[in-house]
Amino acid sequence: MNSLATRIWLLISVPFVIAIFGYLAVTRPFRRDLLLAEAARDARDDVHVMEAAIARGLVDAKDQGADLTALAESIAHGENVVAVGLYGREANLLGGSAQLSRHPGMDAIARDALAKRAEINRLREDGTPLLEHALPLEKAGKVAVAVVLRDISYVDRLVGAWTRSLVLVGAAFSLTVFLLARPMVRRFLGAPLEQLVHGVEKVSAGDLGVRVEEARKDELGRLAVAFNEMTENLRAARAHVEEQNEARVALEAHLRRLSTLAAAGEMAASLAHEIGSPLGVILGRTRMMAGREGTPEPTRRDLGIVAEQTERITRVVQRLLDVTRPPKQRIERVDVETVATDVLAFLAPECKKRGIKTHVASEGGPALVDASRDQLFQVLFNLCHNAVQAQPDGGRIDVAVEARKSEIVLRVTDAGPGVAAEVRGRIFDPFVTTKDDVGTGLGLAIVAGLVRELGGHVAVEANEEGESNEKHGACFVVTLPGVA
């Protein structure tokens, strides 16, 4: 009963059955009225027979009463005729059939017909249903009324028989509809819908390889075609998302490696500076002492060992610098706006999680630079990632790209707490951070180094009073040489 096919089957069958029985209920009174009208015509015919007999002189004036009685008896022997009577001007009985005495009150309808000078039909419903018919007769100035009483019980019998026949026919037809409509609805509607529902359930469970049959050419067939196209689009979308996720994972790994190498490089550079100078002094003094005349051979040998180990330490530091120094980048023509869009797309999940709105705007035409795309991506990523971390409770990140004659100006603005004035002068130094217990202080240092490698420079934009825009967020400005 819960299936759509069953409901449609009932929707087809039930109204049909209701229509049949409604037709019976509505037409039964009309059918009875039709039969009653036919009985009235029969009664009128009986009166006309009496009228014709009188007109032809079949009633002798000397034996008028006997002749009228005989005429009434002959008419009373007709089918369904109960009694016949002829009444004079004063509704006095002139003659009638033998059964007239058993049905008193016929003179009342005769009196009404005389008064109205019109034909009257009247039903008697007490006991056996009877029809009284009175018709005024006039001849040679004389007025009489013929009254015929007919039994109409056959009317209800005929109506009942007609109703039962129609009920049987309707029941047989309804049963045929019930038996034929259910399998047809099940075959042509229920089965295709069930297949579609089964396919939708599989798709909701994650199975995008399901297909439904497309053999039909009607609406259900078009629905099946649309369903199969939808699953194909979903499969393509899933494959695209998986590819993007793989690319994102690879990019994250690459960025982590670059960050690690950059941090290690800063540390190695610091170690090389702090250790390299003393080592150079030690190495020089050692070789100078070993080259003096009069230096004992054992001392010269010991000084040679010291110089050798000093050189080994220098080589170790140099190898550390070689490992952490980024490889030579491939220079290509890069659209800065495209890279900015890619960076914000990469950070979109984190921005959505924090309620941060992002926007990229450009002016002045295409912003093209000859640079390493990876390095430019790293610069924008570090700046935008800092903006994300500075706005844990929502905000915005606006990236504006402006193409000038000989340079490209890139502004990254956020709605965070900004950069304090006392930190602004050394914000790009290694290990300087404004993040409590979160940052390493290397992100902006890496940005500054990469921008220098690209031939540009980076700065924190100041407001009109000469202070950092700390109350309205931070704004970092990167200037790169444009394409001539």
Protein backbone atom coordinates (compact mmCIF):
# COMPACT_ATOMS: atom_id res chain seq x y z
CA MET A 1 0.00 0.00 0.00
CA ASN A 2 2.98 2.30 0.48
CA SER A 3 4.29 1.85 -3.07
CA LEU A 4 3.62 4.52 -5.69
CA ALA A 5 2.39 1.90 -8.18
CA THR A 6 -0.30 0.73 -5.71
CA ARG A 7 -1.39 4.30 -5.08
CA ILE A 8 -1.66 5.04 -8.79
CA TRP A 9 -3.59 1.78 -9.28
CA LEU A 10 -6.03 2.84 -6.56
CA LEU A 11 -6.17 6.34 -8.04
CA ILE A 12 -7.34 4.82 -11.33
CA SER A 13 -9.68 2.15 -9.95
CA VAL A 14 -11.40 3.80 -6.99
CA PRO A 15 -12.74 6.84 -8.92
CA PHE A 16 -14.13 4.49 -11.55
CA VAL A 17 -16.00 2.43 -8.94
CA ILE A 18 -17.25 5.61 -7.27
CA ALA A 19 -18.44 6.89 -10.66
CA ILE A 20 -20.46 3.70 -11.29
CA PHE A 21 -22.23 3.74 -7.94
CA GLY A 22 -22.70 7.50 -8.16
CA TYR A 23 -24.37 7.01 -11.53
CA LEU A 24 -26.69 4.44 -9.98
CA ALA A 25 -27.57 6.77 -7.12
CA VAL A 26 -28.23 9.73 -9.41
CA THR A 27 -30.15 7.97 -12.19
CA ARG A 28 -32.38 5.77 -10.01
CA PRO A 29 -34.96 8.54 -9.34
CA PHE A 30 -34.98 9.53 -13.01
CA ARG A 31 -35.52 5.93 -14.01
CA ARG A 32 -38.49 5.64 -11.65
CA ASP A 33 -39.96 8.90 -12.90
CA LEU A 34 -39.66 7.60 -16.46
CA LEU A 35 -41.57 4.43 -15.61
CA LEU A 36 -44.23 6.44 -13.76
CA ALA A 37 -44.66 8.65 -16.80
CA GLU A 38 -45.10 5.54 -18.92
CA ALA A 39 -47.78 4.26 -16.49
CA ALA A 40 -49.58 7.61 -16.73
CA ARG A 41 -49.61 7.32 -20.53
CA ASP A 42 -51.10 3.82 -20.25
CA ALA A 43 -53.83 5.18 -17.94
CA ARG A 44 -54.52 8.00 -20.39
CA ASP A 45 -54.84 5.44 -23.19
CA ASP A 46 -57.44 3.54 -21.10
CA VAL A 47 -59.46 6.73 -20.67
CA HIS A 48 -59.24 7.48 -24.38
CA VAL A 49 -60.60 3.99 -25.12
CA MET A 50 -63.62 4.76 -22.90
CA GLU A 51 -64.01 8.15 -24.51
CA ALA A 52 -63.91 6.63 -27.99
CA ALA A 53 -66.52 4.00 -27.07
CA ILE A 54 -68.91 6.64 -25.79
CA ALA A 55 -68.31 8.79 -28.86
CA ARG A 56 -69.15 5.90 -31.23
CA GLY A 57 -72.49 5.36 -29.47
CA LEU A 58 -71.60 2.08 -27.88
CA VAL A 59 -73.34 3.25 -24.73
CA ASP A 60 -77.16 3.08 -25.07
CA ALA A 61 -79.01 5.89 -23.36
CA LYS A 62 -81.67 3.46 -22.07
CA ASP A 63 -79.15 1.12 -20.48
CA GLN A 64 -76.46 3.70 -19.90
CA GLY A 65 -75.46 2.45 -16.43
CA ALA A 66 -75.17 -1.17 -17.50
CA ASP A 67 -73.24 -0.28 -20.65
CA LEU A 68 -70.83 1.96 -18.76
CA THR A 69 -70.25 -0.76 -16.16
CA ALA A 70 -69.58 -3.32 -18.88
CA LEU A 71 -67.18 -0.90 -20.59
CA ALA A 72 -65.35 -0.22 -17.32
CA GLU A 73 -65.11 -3.99 -16.63
CA SER A 74 -63.58 -4.61 -20.05
CA ILE A 75 -60.96 -1.91 -19.46
CA ALA A 76 -60.31 -3.12 -15.89
CA HIS A 77 -59.22 -6.49 -17.28
CA GLY A 78 -56.21 -4.79 -18.86
CA GLU A 79 -52.66 -5.31 -17.52
CA ASN A 80 -52.00 -3.53 -14.21
CA VAL A 81 -55.52 -1.89 -14.25
CA VAL A 82 -57.13 -2.15 -10.79
CA ALA A 83 -60.40 -0.24 -11.16
CA VAL A 84 -62.24 2.05 -13.62
CA GLY A 85 -65.04 4.56 -12.92
CA LEU A 86 -67.06 7.20 -14.78
CA TYR A 87 -68.38 10.15 -12.75
CA GLY A 88 -70.98 12.79 -13.66
CA ARG A 89 -71.00 16.58 -13.30
CA GLU A 90 -71.55 16.33 -9.53
CA ALA A 91 -68.92 13.60 -9.16
CA ASN A 92 -71.71 11.04 -8.93
CA LEU A 93 -70.84 7.54 -10.13
CA LEU A 94 -72.34 6.76 -13.52
CA GLY A 95 -70.72 3.36 -13.89
CA GLY A 96 -67.64 1.42 -12.94
CA SER A 97 -65.83 -1.89 -12.57
CA ALA A 98 -66.49 -4.39 -9.78
CA GLN A 99 -63.21 -3.52 -7.97
CA LEU A 100 -64.28 0.11 -7.62
CA SER A 101 -65.87 -0.49 -4.25
CA ARG A 102 -62.57 -1.75 -2.78
CA HIS A 103 -60.81 1.54 -3.53
CA PRO A 104 -62.87 4.39 -2.07
CA GLY A 105 -61.81 7.94 -2.63
CA MET A 106 -61.73 7.88 -6.44
CA ASP A 107 -64.61 10.37 -6.47
CA ALA A 108 -62.25 12.91 -4.81
CA ILE A 109 -59.88 13.01 -7.76
CA ALA A 110 -62.91 13.12 -10.09
CA ARG A 111 -64.19 16.16 -8.20
CA ASP A 112 -60.74 17.85 -8.49
CA ALA A 113 -60.60 17.15 -12.22
CA LEU A 114 -64.08 18.62 -12.70
CA ALA A 115 -63.16 21.68 -10.72
CA LYS A 116 -59.93 22.28 -12.62
CA ARG A 117 -61.25 20.99 -15.97
CA ALA A 118 -57.78 19.40 -16.37
CA GLU A 119 -56.10 16.02 -16.39
CA ILE A 120 -54.81 14.91 -12.98
CA ASN A 121 -52.33 12.20 -11.93
CA ARG A 122 -52.01 11.24 -8.29
CA LEU A 123 -49.93 8.57 -6.48
CA ARG A 124 -51.14 6.45 -3.59
CA GLU A 125 -48.16 5.27 -1.52
CA ASP A 126 -50.10 3.69 1.41
CA GLY A 127 -49.75 -0.06 0.91
CA THR A 128 -49.52 -1.17 -2.70
CA PRO A 129 -48.40 1.80 -4.80
CA LEU A 130 -51.23 2.92 -7.11
CA LEU A 131 -51.58 5.61 -9.77
CA GLU A 132 -54.89 7.52 -10.13
CA HIS A 133 -55.56 9.16 -13.48
CA ALA A 134 -58.58 11.43 -14.03
CA LEU A 135 -59.54 12.98 -17.37
CA PRO A 136 -62.59 15.24 -17.96
CA LEU A 137 -64.87 14.21 -20.90
CA GLU A 138 -67.34 16.52 -22.68
CA LYS A 139 -70.05 15.54 -25.22
CA ALA A 140 -73.02 17.60 -26.35
CA GLY A 141 -72.65 19.95 -23.41
CA LYS A 142 -72.50 17.08 -20.95
CA VAL A 143 -69.46 16.78 -18.70
CA ALA A 144 -68.11 13.58 -17.12
CA VAL A 145 -64.84 12.40 -15.61
CA ALA A 146 -63.17 9.06 -16.34
CA VAL A 147 -60.95 7.75 -13.54
CA VAL A 148 -58.47 4.84 -13.99
CA LEU A 149 -56.62 3.27 -11.05
CA ARG A 150 -53.47 1.36 -12.04
CA ASP A 151 -51.09 -0.82 -10.01
CA ILE A 152 -47.54 0.58 -10.32
CA SER A 153 -45.73 -1.83 -8.00
CA TYR A 154 -43.98 -3.16 -11.09
CA VAL A 155 -42.17 0.19 -11.38
CA ASP A 156 -40.12 -0.42 -8.22
CA ARG A 157 -39.51 -4.00 -9.33
CA LEU A 158 -38.20 -2.83 -12.70
CA VAL A 159 -36.06 -0.12 -11.12
CA GLY A 160 -34.63 -2.65 -8.65
CA ALA A 161 -33.91 -5.16 -11.42
CA TRP A 162 -32.27 -2.44 -13.53
CA THR A 163 -30.18 -1.33 -10.54
CA ARG A 164 -29.05 -4.88 -9.78
CA SER A 165 -28.11 -5.46 -13.41
CA LEU A 166 -26.10 -2.27 -13.54
CA VAL A 167 -24.42 -3.10 -10.24
CA LEU A 168 -23.44 -6.52 -11.56
CA VAL A 169 -22.11 -5.03 -14.79
CA GLY A 170 -20.25 -2.31 -12.89
CA ALA A 171 -18.82 -4.82 -10.42
CA ALA A 172 -17.63 -7.06 -13.24
CA PHE A 173 -16.10 -4.11 -15.07
CA SER A 174 -14.52 -2.79 -11.87
CA LEU A 175 -13.06 -6.20 -11.12
CA THR A 176 -11.62 -6.32 -14.63
CA VAL A 177 -10.06 -2.88 -14.14
CA PHE A 178 -8.70 -3.94 -10.76
CA LEU A 179 -7.18 -7.11 -12.18
CA LEU A 180 -5.72 -5.52 -15.32
CA ALA A 181 -4.69 -2.09 -14.03
CA ARG A 182 -2.51 -3.33 -11.17
CA PRO A 183 -0.07 -5.43 -13.24
CA MET A 184 -0.02 -2.82 -16.01
CA VAL A 185 0.77 0.00 -13.59
CA ARG A 186 3.34 -2.23 -11.92
CA ARG A 187 5.00 -3.05 -15.24
CA PHE A 188 4.95 0.31 -16.99
CA LEU A 189 5.33 2.62 -13.98
CA GLY A 190 6.22 0.80 -10.78
CA ALA A 191 9.18 -1.20 -12.13
CA PRO A 192 10.96 1.80 -13.76
CA LEU A 193 10.40 3.95 -10.67
CA GLU A 194 11.68 1.17 -8.42
CA GLN A 195 14.82 0.94 -10.56
CA LEU A 196 15.36 4.69 -10.25
CA VAL A 197 14.83 4.60 -6.48
CA HIS A 198 17.31 1.72 -6.21
CA GLY A 199 19.82 3.75 -8.21
CA VAL A 200 19.33 6.84 -6.01
CA GLU A 201 19.86 4.72 -2.90
CA LYS A 202 23.12 3.39 -4.32
CA VAL A 203 24.30 6.90 -5.20
CA SER A 204 23.47 8.10 -1.68
CA ALA A 205 25.55 5.20 -0.37
CA GLY A 206 28.53 6.39 -2.44
CA ASP A 207 28.26 4.08 -5.47
CA LEU A 208 28.51 6.42 -8.49
CA GLY A 209 28.95 3.59 -10.99
CA VAL A 210 25.26 2.65 -11.00
CA ARG A 211 23.24 3.06 -14.22
CA VAL A 212 19.55 2.57 -14.96
CA GLU A 213 17.95 1.27 -18.13
CA GLU A 214 17.21 3.88 -20.82
CA ALA A 215 14.98 1.77 -23.09
CA ARG A 216 11.83 3.86 -22.63
CA LYS A 217 11.09 6.95 -24.74
CA ASP A 218 8.62 8.65 -22.38
CA GLU A 219 9.12 10.88 -19.33
CA LEU A 220 10.51 8.00 -17.28
CA GLY A 221 13.01 7.29 -20.05
CA ARG A 222 14.15 10.92 -20.04
CA LEU A 223 14.40 10.74 -16.26
CA ALA A 224 16.62 7.66 -16.57
CA VAL A 225 18.85 9.47 -19.09
CA ALA A 226 19.12 12.47 -16.78
CA PHE A 227 19.95 10.19 -13.84
CA ASN A 228 22.76 8.47 -15.76
CA GLU A 229 24.14 11.85 -16.88
CA MET A 230 24.03 13.03 -13.26
CA THR A 231 26.02 10.00 -12.06
CA GLU A 232 28.58 10.55 -14.84
CA ASN A 233 28.97 14.20 -13.82
CA LEU A 234 29.31 13.16 -10.19
CA ARG A 235 32.01 10.65 -11.09
CA ALA A 236 33.88 13.31 -13.05
CA ALA A 237 33.50 15.78 -10.19
CA ARG A 238 34.75 13.20 -7.69
CA ALA A 239 37.76 12.43 -9.86
CA HIS A 240 38.48 16.16 -10.19
CA VAL A 241 38.24 16.66 -6.42
CA GLU A 242 40.53 13.69 -5.82
CA GLU A 243 43.06 15.13 -8.27
CA GLN A 244 42.85 18.50 -6.53
CA ASN A 245 43.30 16.86 -3.14
CA GLU A 246 46.34 14.95 -4.39
CA ALA A 247 47.79 18.14 -5.85
CA ARG A 248 47.07 19.96 -2.61
CA VAL A 249 48.74 17.28 -0.52
CA ALA A 250 51.77 17.37 -2.82
CA LEU A 251 51.87 21.16 -2.64
CA GLU A 252 51.58 21.11 1.16
CA ALA A 253 54.46 18.65 1.34
CA HIS A 254 56.48 20.85 -1.00
CA LEU A 255 55.72 23.96 1.07
CA ARG A 256 56.64 22.17 4.28
CA ARG A 257 59.92 21.12 2.72
CA LEU A 258 60.63 24.66 1.57
CA SER A 259 59.78 26.03 5.00
CA THR A 260 62.00 23.46 6.68
CA LEU A 261 64.85 24.15 4.29
CA ALA A 262 64.41 27.88 4.75
CA ALA A 263 64.49 27.58 8.53
CA ALA A 264 67.50 25.30 8.37
CA GLY A 265 69.16 27.69 5.92
CA GLU A 266 68.66 30.63 8.26
CA MET A 267 70.15 28.59 11.08
CA ALA A 268 73.00 27.36 8.89
CA ALA A 269 73.71 30.89 7.73
CA SER A 270 73.77 32.07 11.31
CA LEU A 271 76.10 29.19 12.29
CA ALA A 272 78.32 29.85 9.29
CA HIS A 273 78.60 33.48 10.29
CA GLU A 274 79.18 32.80 13.98
CA ILE A 275 81.54 29.84 13.45
CA GLY A 276 83.11 30.78 10.12
CA SER A 277 84.83 33.93 11.32
CA PRO A 278 86.55 32.33 14.37
CA LEU A 279 87.48 29.33 12.24
CA GLY A 280 89.08 31.61 9.67
CA VAL A 281 91.10 33.34 12.39
CA ILE A 282 92.18 30.02 13.88
CA LEU A 283 93.13 28.61 10.49
CA GLY A 284 95.14 31.71 9.57
CA ARG A 285 96.99 31.89 12.86
CA THR A 286 97.73 28.19 12.79
CA ARG A 287 99.24 28.33 9.31
CA MET A 288 101.21 31.45 10.22
CA MET A 289 102.67 29.78 13.32
CA ALA A 290 103.44 26.62 11.40
CA GLY A 291 105.30 28.64 8.76
CA ARG A 292 107.60 30.48 11.18
CA GLU A 293 111.24 29.58 11.21
CA GLY A 294 112.42 27.86 14.30
CA THR A 295 109.08 26.22 15.03
CA PRO A 296 109.85 22.74 16.36
CA GLU A 297 108.83 19.91 14.13
CA PRO A 298 106.43 18.32 16.68
CA THR A 299 104.76 21.72 17.14
CA ARG A 300 104.55 22.23 13.37
CA ARG A 301 102.99 18.78 13.04
CA ASP A 302 100.41 19.54 15.75
CA LEU A 303 99.62 22.90 14.11
CA GLY A 304 99.06 21.07 10.79
CA ILE A 305 96.56 18.75 12.49
CA VAL A 306 94.71 21.77 13.93
CA ALA A 307 94.61 23.44 10.50
CA GLU A 308 93.36 20.24 8.87
CA GLN A 309 90.52 19.80 11.38
CA THR A 310 89.62 23.49 11.08
CA GLU A 311 89.28 23.07 7.33
CA ARG A 312 87.13 19.97 7.89
CA ILE A 313 84.76 21.95 10.14
CA THR A 314 84.56 24.66 7.46
CA ARG A 315 83.66 22.05 4.84
CA VAL A 316 80.95 20.61 7.13
CA VAL A 317 79.37 24.06 7.52
CA GLN A 318 79.56 24.60 3.75
CA ARG A 319 77.83 21.26 3.07
CA LEU A 320 75.09 22.25 5.50
CA LEU A 321 74.59 25.47 3.57
CA ASP A 322 74.53 23.54 0.28
CA VAL A 323 71.86 21.16 1.59
CA THR A 324 69.56 23.89 2.91
CA ARG A 325 70.05 26.32 0.04
CA PRO A 326 67.08 26.01 -2.37
CA PRO A 327 67.89 24.60 -5.79
CA LYS A 328 68.06 26.86 -8.76
CA GLN A 329 64.54 27.80 -9.78
CA ARG A 330 63.14 27.72 -13.32
CA ILE A 331 62.35 31.23 -14.51
CA GLU A 332 59.17 31.63 -16.56
CA ARG A 333 56.56 34.26 -17.35
CA VAL A 334 54.01 34.23 -14.54
CA ASP A 335 50.63 35.98 -14.15
CA VAL A 336 50.63 37.38 -10.59
CA GLU A 337 46.81 37.54 -10.42
CA THR A 338 46.52 33.86 -11.32
CA VAL A 339 49.02 32.88 -8.61
CA ALA A 340 47.12 35.01 -6.06
CA THR A 341 43.87 33.29 -7.02
CA ASP A 342 45.50 29.86 -6.66
CA VAL A 343 46.87 30.74 -3.21
CA LEU A 344 43.46 31.89 -1.93
CA ALA A 345 41.83 28.79 -3.44
CA PHE A 346 44.39 26.67 -1.58
CA LEU A 347 43.58 28.47 1.69
CA ALA A 348 39.79 28.45 1.03
CA PRO A 349 38.95 25.58 3.45
CA GLU A 350 40.78 27.28 6.33
CA CYS A 351 39.21 30.65 5.47
CA LYS A 352 35.75 29.10 5.39
CA LYS A 353 36.35 27.45 8.74
CA ARG A 354 37.34 30.77 10.31
CA GLY A 355 34.69 32.83 8.51
CA ILE A 356 37.18 34.86 6.45
CA LYS A 357 36.11 36.40 3.14
CA THR A 358 38.68 36.65 0.35
CA HIS A 359 38.88 38.85 -2.73
CA VAL A 360 41.35 39.35 -5.59
CA ALA A 361 41.30 42.60 -7.59
CA SER A 362 43.51 43.82 -10.41
CA GLU A 363 43.99 47.00 -12.38
CA GLY A 364 46.27 48.27 -15.12
CA GLY A 365 46.09 45.20 -17.36
CA PRO A 366 47.91 41.84 -17.14
CA ALA A 367 50.36 41.64 -14.23
CA LEU A 368 53.20 39.54 -15.72
CA VAL A 369 56.64 38.92 -14.20
CA ASP A 370 59.60 36.77 -15.18
CA ALA A 371 60.11 34.68 -12.05
CA SER A 372 59.88 31.26 -10.47
CA ARG A 373 56.24 30.43 -9.99
CA ASP A 374 57.02 28.35 -6.90
CA GLN A 375 58.87 31.23 -5.27
CA LEU A 376 56.07 33.68 -6.06
CA PHE A 377 53.52 31.19 -4.71
CA GLN A 378 55.60 30.83 -1.52
CA VAL A 379 55.68 34.62 -1.06
CA LEU A 380 51.92 35.03 -1.42
CA PHE A 381 51.21 31.90 0.60
CA ASN A 382 53.25 33.13 3.58
CA LEU A 383 51.60 36.56 3.53
CA CYS A 384 48.05 35.19 3.17
CA HIS A 385 48.65 32.42 5.70
CA ASN A 386 49.82 35.02 8.24
CA ALA A 387 46.60 36.97 7.52
CA VAL A 388 44.54 33.84 8.18
CA GLN A 389 46.27 33.17 11.49
CA ALA A 390 45.79 36.82 12.51
CA GLN A 391 41.97 36.51 12.17
CA PRO A 392 40.76 33.51 14.20
CA ASP A 393 37.24 34.93 14.57
CA GLY A 394 36.60 35.93 10.98
CA GLY A 395 37.58 38.87 8.81
CA ARG A 396 38.78 39.42 5.27
CA ILE A 397 41.79 39.07 3.01
CA ASP A 398 42.08 41.44 0.05
CA VAL A 399 44.76 40.88 -2.59
CA ALA A 400 45.19 43.83 -4.97
CA VAL A 401 47.40 43.49 -8.06
CA GLU A 402 48.42 46.67 -9.88
CA ALA A 403 50.37 46.62 -13.16
CA ARG A 404 52.50 49.73 -13.67
CA LYS A 405 54.90 50.62 -16.47
CA SER A 406 57.98 48.85 -15.15
CA GLU A 407 56.81 47.08 -12.00
CA ILE A 408 54.05 45.06 -10.43
CA VAL A 409 52.70 46.17 -7.03
CA LEU A 410 51.02 43.54 -4.92
CA ARG A 411 49.11 44.43 -1.73
CA VAL A 412 47.90 41.86 0.81
CA THR A 413 45.53 43.42 3.34
CA ASP A 414 43.70 41.82 6.26
CA ALA A 415 41.36 42.92 9.06
CA GLY A 416 43.45 41.54 11.91
CA PRO A 417 45.18 43.39 14.76
CA GLY A 418 47.87 44.77 12.44
CA VAL A 419 51.60 45.20 13.08
CA ALA A 420 52.66 47.25 16.08
CA ALA A 421 54.91 50.25 15.36
CA GLU A 422 57.71 48.95 17.57
CA VAL A 423 57.89 45.70 15.63
CA ARG A 424 57.52 47.09 12.14
CA GLY A 425 61.17 47.93 11.60
CA ARG A 426 62.36 44.37 12.26
CA ILE A 427 59.33 42.37 11.18
CA PHE A 428 61.30 40.77 8.32
CA ASP A 429 64.21 39.66 10.56
CA PRO A 430 64.52 35.93 11.32
CA PHE A 431 62.83 34.69 14.51
CA VAL A 432 60.81 37.92 14.97
CA THR A 433 57.11 37.07 15.46
CA THR A 434 53.96 38.68 16.81
CA LYS A 435 52.24 35.32 17.40
CA ASP A 436 52.30 34.16 20.99
CA ASP A 437 53.64 30.60 21.20
CA VAL A 438 52.65 29.89 17.58
CA GLY A 439 55.04 31.33 15.00
CA THR A 440 58.72 30.66 14.45
CA GLY A 441 59.49 34.12 13.13
CA LEU A 442 60.80 32.75 9.82
CA GLY A 443 57.79 33.21 7.50
CA LEU A 444 58.30 36.91 6.74
CA ALA A 445 62.07 36.44 6.70
CA ILE A 446 61.60 33.84 3.96
CA VAL A 447 59.26 36.24 2.13
CA ALA A 448 61.88 38.98 2.23
CA GLY A 449 64.60 36.61 0.97
CA LEU A 450 62.49 35.24 -1.88
CA VAL A 451 61.37 38.72 -2.95
CA ARG A 452 65.01 39.82 -3.03
CA GLU A 453 65.85 36.82 -5.23
CA LEU A 454 63.02 37.89 -7.55
CA GLY A 455 64.56 41.35 -7.80
CA GLY A 456 61.93 43.18 -5.77
CA HIS A 457 61.30 44.38 -2.25
CA VAL A 458 58.62 44.00 0.45
CA ALA A 459 57.43 46.40 3.14
CA VAL A 460 54.66 47.08 5.64
CA GLU A 461 52.55 49.94 4.35
CA ALA A 462 52.24 52.90 6.77
CA ASN A 463 49.14 55.00 7.33
CA GLU A 464 48.96 58.78 6.88
CA GLU A 465 50.38 59.41 10.37
CA GLY A 466 53.40 57.28 9.53
CA GLU A 467 52.36 54.38 11.75
CA SER A 468 51.47 50.84 10.77
CA ASN A 469 47.80 50.36 10.09
CA GLU A 470 47.45 48.34 13.29
CA LYS A 471 43.85 49.31 14.09
CA HIS A 472 42.62 48.39 10.64
CA GLY A 473 44.68 45.29 9.89
CA ALA A 474 48.03 44.77 8.26
CA CYS A 475 48.96 45.65 4.68
CA PHE A 476 52.09 44.16 3.11
CA VAL A 477 53.29 45.62 -0.19
CA VAL A 478 55.42 43.55 -2.56
CA THR A 479 57.01 45.29 -5.53
CA LEU A 480 58.42 43.17 -8.37
CA PRO A 481 59.98 44.12 -11.69
CA GLY A 482 57.42 43.84 -14.47
CA VAL A 483 57.84 42.48 -17.97
CA ALA A 484 59.11 45.10 -20.39
